[in-house]
N, C-alpha and C. Protein backbone atom coordinates (compact mmCIF):
# COMPACT_ATOMS: atom_id res chain seq x y z
N MET A 1 31.02 -28.14 57.77
CA MET A 1 30.45 -28.27 56.44
C MET A 1 31.32 -29.22 55.65
N SER A 2 30.71 -30.20 55.02
CA SER A 2 31.47 -31.16 54.23
C SER A 2 31.93 -30.51 52.93
N THR A 3 32.93 -31.12 52.29
CA THR A 3 33.44 -30.56 51.04
C THR A 3 32.40 -30.64 49.93
N LYS A 4 31.53 -31.66 49.99
CA LYS A 4 30.50 -31.80 48.97
C LYS A 4 29.51 -30.64 49.05
N SER A 5 29.05 -30.30 50.25
CA SER A 5 28.11 -29.19 50.39
C SER A 5 28.78 -27.86 50.10
N ALA A 6 30.08 -27.73 50.39
CA ALA A 6 30.81 -26.50 50.07
C ALA A 6 30.92 -26.33 48.56
N ASP A 7 31.16 -27.44 47.84
CA ASP A 7 31.22 -27.37 46.39
C ASP A 7 29.86 -27.01 45.79
N MET A 8 28.79 -27.54 46.37
CA MET A 8 27.44 -27.23 45.90
C MET A 8 27.15 -25.75 46.11
N LYS A 9 27.57 -25.22 47.25
CA LYS A 9 27.32 -23.82 47.54
C LYS A 9 28.07 -22.94 46.54
N ARG A 10 29.31 -23.28 46.22
CA ARG A 10 30.09 -22.52 45.24
C ARG A 10 29.46 -22.60 43.86
N ALA A 11 28.94 -23.74 43.52
CA ALA A 11 28.32 -23.91 42.20
C ALA A 11 27.08 -23.03 42.06
N ASP A 12 26.36 -22.80 43.16
CA ASP A 12 25.17 -21.97 43.12
C ASP A 12 25.50 -20.50 42.88
N THR A 13 26.69 -20.05 43.26
CA THR A 13 27.04 -18.65 43.13
C THR A 13 27.60 -18.30 41.76
N LYS A 14 27.89 -19.30 40.94
CA LYS A 14 28.42 -19.04 39.61
C LYS A 14 27.31 -18.55 38.68
N ALA A 15 27.71 -17.84 37.63
CA ALA A 15 26.74 -17.37 36.64
C ALA A 15 26.09 -18.58 35.98
N PRO A 16 24.77 -18.57 35.83
CA PRO A 16 24.08 -19.73 35.27
C PRO A 16 24.41 -19.99 33.80
N THR A 17 24.87 -18.98 33.08
CA THR A 17 25.13 -19.15 31.66
C THR A 17 26.54 -19.60 31.37
N GLY A 18 27.45 -19.47 32.32
CA GLY A 18 28.83 -19.88 32.08
C GLY A 18 29.50 -19.05 31.00
N GLY A 19 29.10 -17.79 30.85
CA GLY A 19 29.69 -16.92 29.86
C GLY A 19 29.03 -17.00 28.50
N VAL A 20 28.02 -17.85 28.35
CA VAL A 20 27.31 -17.99 27.08
C VAL A 20 26.12 -17.03 27.09
N ARG A 21 25.95 -16.31 26.00
CA ARG A 21 24.85 -15.35 25.91
C ARG A 21 23.53 -16.08 25.65
N ILE A 22 22.50 -15.76 26.41
CA ILE A 22 21.19 -16.37 26.27
C ILE A 22 20.42 -15.63 25.17
N ALA A 23 19.76 -16.38 24.30
CA ALA A 23 18.98 -15.76 23.22
C ALA A 23 17.83 -14.96 23.82
N PRO A 24 17.59 -13.76 23.30
CA PRO A 24 16.48 -12.96 23.82
C PRO A 24 15.14 -13.62 23.55
N MET A 25 14.19 -13.43 24.45
CA MET A 25 12.87 -14.01 24.31
C MET A 25 11.81 -12.97 24.66
N LYS A 26 10.62 -13.18 24.14
CA LYS A 26 9.49 -12.28 24.34
C LYS A 26 8.22 -13.12 24.34
N GLU A 27 7.19 -12.71 25.06
CA GLU A 27 5.95 -13.47 25.11
C GLU A 27 5.09 -13.18 23.89
N CYS A 28 4.55 -14.23 23.29
CA CYS A 28 3.68 -14.11 22.11
C CYS A 28 2.34 -13.53 22.54
N PRO A 29 1.84 -12.47 21.85
CA PRO A 29 0.55 -11.90 22.22
C PRO A 29 -0.64 -12.78 21.81
N MET A 30 -0.42 -13.75 20.91
CA MET A 30 -1.51 -14.61 20.45
C MET A 30 -1.73 -15.83 21.35
N CYS A 31 -0.63 -16.53 21.69
CA CYS A 31 -0.79 -17.79 22.43
C CYS A 31 -0.08 -17.78 23.79
N GLY A 32 0.76 -16.80 24.07
CA GLY A 32 1.42 -16.71 25.37
C GLY A 32 2.72 -17.49 25.47
N GLU A 33 3.12 -18.20 24.42
CA GLU A 33 4.38 -18.95 24.43
C GLU A 33 5.56 -18.00 24.24
N SER A 34 6.77 -18.52 24.38
CA SER A 34 7.98 -17.72 24.22
C SER A 34 8.33 -17.56 22.74
N MET A 35 8.54 -16.30 22.35
CA MET A 35 8.97 -16.01 20.98
C MET A 35 10.49 -15.87 21.00
N ARG A 36 11.11 -16.08 19.85
CA ARG A 36 12.56 -15.96 19.73
C ARG A 36 12.91 -14.94 18.66
N LEU A 37 14.00 -14.22 18.88
CA LEU A 37 14.46 -13.24 17.93
C LEU A 37 15.25 -13.92 16.82
N SER A 38 14.83 -13.71 15.59
CA SER A 38 15.50 -14.30 14.42
C SER A 38 16.15 -13.17 13.63
N VAL A 39 17.43 -13.32 13.33
CA VAL A 39 18.15 -12.35 12.52
C VAL A 39 18.64 -13.08 11.28
N ARG A 40 18.26 -12.57 10.12
CA ARG A 40 18.65 -13.22 8.87
C ARG A 40 18.87 -12.17 7.79
N GLU A 41 19.58 -12.56 6.75
CA GLU A 41 19.81 -11.67 5.62
C GLU A 41 18.91 -12.09 4.46
N VAL A 42 18.28 -11.09 3.82
CA VAL A 42 17.38 -11.33 2.71
C VAL A 42 17.97 -10.67 1.48
N GLN A 43 18.03 -11.41 0.38
CA GLN A 43 18.50 -10.86 -0.90
C GLN A 43 17.29 -10.57 -1.77
N GLU A 44 17.20 -9.33 -2.24
CA GLU A 44 16.10 -8.92 -3.11
C GLU A 44 16.66 -8.52 -4.46
N ARG A 45 16.05 -9.01 -5.49
CA ARG A 45 16.46 -8.65 -6.86
C ARG A 45 15.66 -7.41 -7.28
N LEU A 46 16.37 -6.37 -7.66
CA LEU A 46 15.73 -5.15 -8.10
C LEU A 46 15.83 -5.06 -9.63
N PRO A 47 14.74 -4.74 -10.31
CA PRO A 47 14.78 -4.63 -11.76
C PRO A 47 15.78 -3.55 -12.20
N GLY A 48 16.59 -3.87 -13.19
CA GLY A 48 17.55 -2.92 -13.72
C GLY A 48 18.89 -2.93 -13.02
N HIS A 49 19.04 -3.72 -11.97
CA HIS A 49 20.31 -3.81 -11.24
C HIS A 49 20.87 -5.22 -11.41
N GLY A 50 22.17 -5.30 -11.61
CA GLY A 50 22.81 -6.60 -11.79
C GLY A 50 23.00 -7.36 -10.49
N GLN A 51 23.26 -6.64 -9.41
CA GLN A 51 23.52 -7.27 -8.12
C GLN A 51 22.26 -7.25 -7.24
N PRO A 52 21.99 -8.34 -6.53
CA PRO A 52 20.85 -8.33 -5.61
C PRO A 52 21.16 -7.45 -4.39
N ALA A 53 20.15 -6.78 -3.89
CA ALA A 53 20.30 -5.96 -2.68
C ALA A 53 20.14 -6.87 -1.47
N THR A 54 21.05 -6.76 -0.51
CA THR A 54 21.00 -7.58 0.70
C THR A 54 20.67 -6.68 1.89
N ARG A 55 19.71 -7.12 2.71
CA ARG A 55 19.37 -6.38 3.92
C ARG A 55 19.17 -7.35 5.07
N THR A 56 19.38 -6.87 6.26
CA THR A 56 19.23 -7.69 7.46
C THR A 56 17.82 -7.51 8.01
N VAL A 57 17.15 -8.63 8.28
CA VAL A 57 15.79 -8.62 8.82
C VAL A 57 15.82 -9.21 10.22
N ARG A 58 15.24 -8.48 11.17
CA ARG A 58 15.12 -8.95 12.56
C ARG A 58 13.65 -9.11 12.88
N GLU A 59 13.26 -10.35 13.22
CA GLU A 59 11.85 -10.64 13.51
C GLU A 59 11.73 -11.47 14.78
N TRP A 60 10.64 -11.24 15.50
CA TRP A 60 10.26 -12.10 16.60
C TRP A 60 9.37 -13.20 16.02
N LEU A 61 9.71 -14.47 16.27
CA LEU A 61 8.96 -15.60 15.74
C LEU A 61 8.44 -16.48 16.87
N CYS A 62 7.17 -16.89 16.76
CA CYS A 62 6.59 -17.82 17.72
C CYS A 62 6.56 -19.20 17.08
N PRO A 63 7.26 -20.19 17.67
CA PRO A 63 7.26 -21.53 17.09
C PRO A 63 5.94 -22.28 17.27
N GLU A 64 5.08 -21.84 18.19
CA GLU A 64 3.83 -22.54 18.45
C GLU A 64 2.71 -22.16 17.47
N CYS A 65 2.50 -20.86 17.25
CA CYS A 65 1.36 -20.44 16.44
C CYS A 65 1.77 -19.72 15.16
N ASP A 66 3.07 -19.65 14.86
CA ASP A 66 3.60 -19.02 13.65
C ASP A 66 3.36 -17.52 13.59
N TYR A 67 3.05 -16.88 14.72
CA TYR A 67 2.92 -15.43 14.76
C TYR A 67 4.32 -14.83 14.61
N PHE A 68 4.43 -13.69 13.93
CA PHE A 68 5.70 -13.00 13.82
C PHE A 68 5.48 -11.51 13.80
N GLU A 69 6.48 -10.77 14.21
CA GLU A 69 6.45 -9.32 14.13
C GLU A 69 7.88 -8.82 13.97
N GLU A 70 8.01 -7.68 13.29
CA GLU A 70 9.33 -7.12 13.06
C GLU A 70 9.86 -6.55 14.36
N ALA A 71 11.13 -6.79 14.63
CA ALA A 71 11.75 -6.28 15.86
C ALA A 71 12.03 -4.79 15.70
N GLU A 72 11.83 -4.04 16.76
CA GLU A 72 12.11 -2.61 16.74
C GLU A 72 13.61 -2.37 16.84
N THR A 73 14.06 -1.22 16.38
CA THR A 73 15.47 -0.86 16.44
C THR A 73 15.92 -0.81 17.90
N GLY A 74 17.04 -1.47 18.19
CA GLY A 74 17.59 -1.49 19.54
C GLY A 74 16.95 -2.51 20.45
N GLU A 75 15.92 -3.20 20.00
CA GLU A 75 15.25 -4.22 20.80
C GLU A 75 16.05 -5.51 20.75
N GLU A 76 16.26 -6.09 21.93
CA GLU A 76 17.05 -7.33 21.98
C GLU A 76 16.44 -8.34 22.87
């Protein structure tokens, strides 16, 4: 076996992500494309309060048809 083919074989056995976490994906029920999980913070102003309330929103978003749905707790 040549060193080139040995190096190729070793490269195939390594993790494909190289230690980088892959973003979770889900299939869109409307168009079948891949949806992506979006995590963002939303500030809401409540009447009578000086400080805005901040909450974290997790949504599945489809870039093709603009379909979205709220992510369930523990869903990744």
